[in-house]
Amino acid sequence: MGMKVAVYTIAKDEAAHVERWAQLFIASMEDETAPYAPVIGLFDRQIKDDKPMTIVGNGEQRRSFTHIDDVIEANISAMNADIDAEFLGTVFNIGYEKNYSINEIAGLFDGKKISIPPRPGESKETFPDISKAKGILGWHPKHSLEEYIKSSNISVEW
């Protein structure tokens, strides 16, 4: 099964292209009780509730995380870009230039871990090729997950 992504089309003067975003991380990661909740918010909530972090499968699945501010900047870059006709309809992947295993992320938190069964159809790895967004739109990510965790008020061990 393919990568689960958010897909948005940016239309400008009847010309369009598509952006695919990697998993978002933001200051308020709500709905951490949903089956596919953002792992950062989920781990934070589980620790605050004195529960173990749930690791799906073996935890070696890898994810790229994108800060919401980077997505906003990508959208602005796309709307302002003077895209040549040859690039109309192009898919631009938006994400960070590093991905993390779920075990690596869990290791940043100070808490117990338990494994739960793998979910059918879950991707083993998400790691977007952002070269088109960098080269054509002039966009690049500025916010790393590690910097976000270090600067946030979440339950982590540093």
Foldseek 3Di string as FASTA:
>chain_A
DDDDWDKDWDDDPNFIEIETEWAEDEQDQPPLVDPPGDQQVVCLVCVVVQHAREQEDPQQQKGFYAYPVLVVVLSVLVRPFPADPVCGHYYAYDTAQDIDGRVRVSQFAPGHYDYDYHDPPDHSYDGDDRVCSCPRSVGHGDDHPVVPVVPGPTGGDD
